[in-house]
Amino acid sequence: MDDLNDLVTGMNATCAAVAGLFFLRFWRQTADRLFASFAAAFWLLSVHWIGLGLTSPQYEFRPLLYGIRLVASLLILAAIIDKNRVKRSTS
């Protein structure tokens, strides 16, 4: 069962990193901050999954790895709020 958990954790890390690459490509095409924020968030999620895969469940500070997931989620939320913020005209 541990082998299956390692496989799924590796797949999650890989998929998050690939999603980050797609958002990086979209950011390079459009220069929209939303895509740059999403790319950074997915790379953070990839780091989170790698950290979970490399540590044992008995590791004392393993719950701190979930702080990375929290930062990634807050980054996505901030990017969505920033994108939907009403732009005020200077006239």
C-alpha atoms as a PDB file:
ATOM      1  CA  MET A   1       0.000   0.000   0.000  1.00  0.00           C
ATOM      2  CA  ASP A   2       2.935   2.340   0.612  1.00  0.00           C
ATOM      3  CA  ASP A   3       4.026   1.939  -2.993  1.00  0.00           C
ATOM      4  CA  LEU A   4       0.592   3.034  -4.189  1.00  0.00           C
ATOM      5  CA  ASN A   5       0.664   6.082  -1.894  1.00  0.00           C
ATOM      6  CA  ASP A   6       4.104   7.023  -3.223  1.00  0.00           C
ATOM      7  CA  LEU A   7       2.854   6.659  -6.795  1.00  0.00           C
ATOM      8  CA  VAL A   8      -0.188   8.862  -6.218  1.00  0.00           C
ATOM      9  CA  THR A   9       1.875  11.467  -4.364  1.00  0.00           C
ATOM     10  CA  GLY A  10       4.351  11.567  -7.238  1.00  0.00           C
ATOM     11  CA  MET A  11       1.523  11.901  -9.744  1.00  0.00           C
ATOM     12  CA  ASN A  12       0.048  14.802  -7.767  1.00  0.00           C
ATOM     13  CA  ALA A  13       3.423  16.567  -7.647  1.00  0.00           C
ATOM     14  CA  THR A  14       3.986  16.047 -11.365  1.00  0.00           C
ATOM     15  CA  CYS A  15       0.507  17.196 -12.364  1.00  0.00           C
ATOM     16  CA  ALA A  16       0.794  20.333 -10.226  1.00  0.00           C
ATOM     17  CA  ALA A  17       4.189  21.160 -11.776  1.00  0.00           C
ATOM     18  CA  VAL A  18       2.830  20.635 -15.303  1.00  0.00           C
ATOM     19  CA  ALA A  19      -0.187  22.826 -14.532  1.00  0.00           C
ATOM     20  CA  GLY A  20       2.247  25.501 -13.350  1.00  0.00           C
ATOM     21  CA  LEU A  21       4.082  25.259 -16.677  1.00  0.00           C
ATOM     22  CA  PHE A  22       0.831  25.701 -18.599  1.00  0.00           C
ATOM     23  CA  PHE A  23      -0.058  28.786 -16.574  1.00  0.00           C
ATOM     24  CA  LEU A  24       3.471  30.131 -17.135  1.00  0.00           C
ATOM     25  CA  ARG A  25       2.969  29.754 -20.878  1.00  0.00           C
ATOM     26  CA  PHE A  26      -0.370  31.586 -20.697  1.00  0.00           C
ATOM     27  CA  TRP A  27       1.265  34.357 -18.638  1.00  0.00           C
ATOM     28  CA  ARG A  28       4.025  34.763 -21.243  1.00  0.00           C
ATOM     29  CA  GLN A  29       1.402  35.089 -23.982  1.00  0.00           C
ATOM     30  CA  THR A  30      -0.896  37.535 -22.173  1.00  0.00           C
ATOM     31  CA  ALA A  31       1.242  39.131 -19.408  1.00  0.00           C
ATOM     32  CA  ASP A  32      -1.776  38.736 -17.087  1.00  0.00           C
ATOM     33  CA  ARG A  33      -0.857  38.569 -13.393  1.00  0.00           C
ATOM     34  CA  LEU A  34      -3.589  35.998 -12.796  1.00  0.00           C
ATOM     35  CA  PHE A  35      -1.693  33.393 -14.791  1.00  0.00           C
ATOM     36  CA  ALA A  36       1.601  34.188 -13.063  1.00  0.00           C
ATOM     37  CA  SER A  37      -0.044  33.799  -9.663  1.00  0.00           C
ATOM     38  CA  PHE A  38      -1.648  30.509 -10.669  1.00  0.00           C
ATOM     39  CA  ALA A  39       1.701  29.217 -11.947  1.00  0.00           C
ATOM     40  CA  ALA A  40       3.400  30.093  -8.656  1.00  0.00           C
ATOM     41  CA  ALA A  41       0.563  28.530  -6.653  1.00  0.00           C
ATOM     42  CA  PHE A  42       0.718  25.258  -8.564  1.00  0.00           C
ATOM     43  CA  TRP A  43       4.495  25.089  -8.166  1.00  0.00           C
ATOM     44  CA  LEU A  44       4.017  25.584  -4.425  1.00  0.00           C
ATOM     45  CA  LEU A  45       1.508  22.738  -4.456  1.00  0.00           C
ATOM     46  CA  SER A  46       4.071  20.611  -6.260  1.00  0.00           C
ATOM     47  CA  VAL A  47       6.631  21.405  -3.548  1.00  0.00           C
ATOM     48  CA  HIS A  48       4.019  20.474  -0.948  1.00  0.00           C
ATOM     49  CA  TRP A  49       3.419  17.064  -2.554  1.00  0.00           C
ATOM     50  CA  ILE A  50       7.145  16.429  -2.885  1.00  0.00           C
ATOM     51  CA  GLY A  51       7.607  17.258   0.797  1.00  0.00           C
ATOM     52  CA  LEU A  52       4.815  14.895   1.780  1.00  0.00           C
ATOM     53  CA  GLY A  53       6.306  12.161  -0.370  1.00  0.00           C
ATOM     54  CA  LEU A  54       9.772  12.511   1.112  1.00  0.00           C
ATOM     55  CA  THR A  55       8.768  12.574   4.780  1.00  0.00           C
ATOM     56  CA  SER A  56       7.346   9.737   6.822  1.00  0.00           C
ATOM     57  CA  PRO A  57       3.903  10.061   8.420  1.00  0.00           C
ATOM     58  CA  GLN A  58       5.561   9.972  11.856  1.00  0.00           C
ATOM     59  CA  TYR A  59       7.701  13.052  11.099  1.00  0.00           C
ATOM     60  CA  GLU A  60       6.964  15.580  13.838  1.00  0.00           C
ATOM     61  CA  PHE A  61       6.913  18.688  11.645  1.00  0.00           C
ATOM     62  CA  ARG A  62       5.034  17.153   8.719  1.00  0.00           C
ATOM     63  CA  PRO A  63       1.839  19.160   9.461  1.00  0.00           C
ATOM     64  CA  LEU A  64       3.882  22.312   8.807  1.00  0.00           C
ATOM     65  CA  LEU A  65       4.076  21.227   5.178  1.00  0.00           C
ATOM     66  CA  TYR A  66       0.390  22.030   4.941  1.00  0.00           C
ATOM     67  CA  GLY A  67       1.356  25.682   5.428  1.00  0.00           C
ATOM     68  CA  ILE A  68       2.697  25.550   1.873  1.00  0.00           C
ATOM     69  CA  ARG A  69      -0.733  24.421   0.681  1.00  0.00           C
ATOM     70  CA  LEU A  70      -2.319  27.274   2.644  1.00  0.00           C
ATOM     71  CA  VAL A  71      -0.007  29.837   1.018  1.00  0.00           C
ATOM     72  CA  ALA A  72      -0.808  28.413  -2.432  1.00  0.00           C
ATOM     73  CA  SER A  73      -4.548  28.612  -1.760  1.00  0.00           C
ATOM     74  CA  LEU A  74      -4.264  32.179  -0.489  1.00  0.00           C
ATOM     75  CA  LEU A  75      -2.235  33.094  -3.570  1.00  0.00           C
ATOM     76  CA  ILE A  76      -4.983  31.759  -5.836  1.00  0.00           C
ATOM     77  CA  LEU A  77      -7.633  33.603  -3.818  1.00  0.00           C
ATOM     78  CA  ALA A  78      -5.682  36.874  -3.942  1.00  0.00           C
ATOM     79  CA  ALA A  79      -5.185  36.520  -7.705  1.00  0.00           C
ATOM     80  CA  ILE A  80      -8.909  35.995  -8.278  1.00  0.00           C
ATOM     81  CA  ILE A  81      -9.811  38.966  -6.091  1.00  0.00           C
ATOM     82  CA  ASP A  82      -7.207  41.123  -7.867  1.00  0.00           C
ATOM     83  CA  LYS A  83      -8.538  40.079 -11.290  1.00  0.00           C
ATOM     84  CA  ASN A  84     -12.156  40.868 -10.369  1.00  0.00           C
ATOM     85  CA  ARG A  85     -11.427  44.150  -8.629  1.00  0.00           C
ATOM     86  CA  VAL A  86     -13.195  47.092 -10.237  1.00  0.00           C
ATOM     87  CA  LYS A  87     -10.743  49.409 -11.986  1.00  0.00           C
ATOM     88  CA  ARG A  88     -11.503  53.041 -11.161  1.00  0.00           C
ATOM     89  CA  SER A  89     -11.100  55.625 -13.855  1.00  0.00           C
ATOM     90  CA  THR A  90      -8.987  58.704 -13.096  1.00  0.00           C
ATOM     91  CA  SER A  91     -11.408  61.154 -14.722  1.00  0.00           C
END
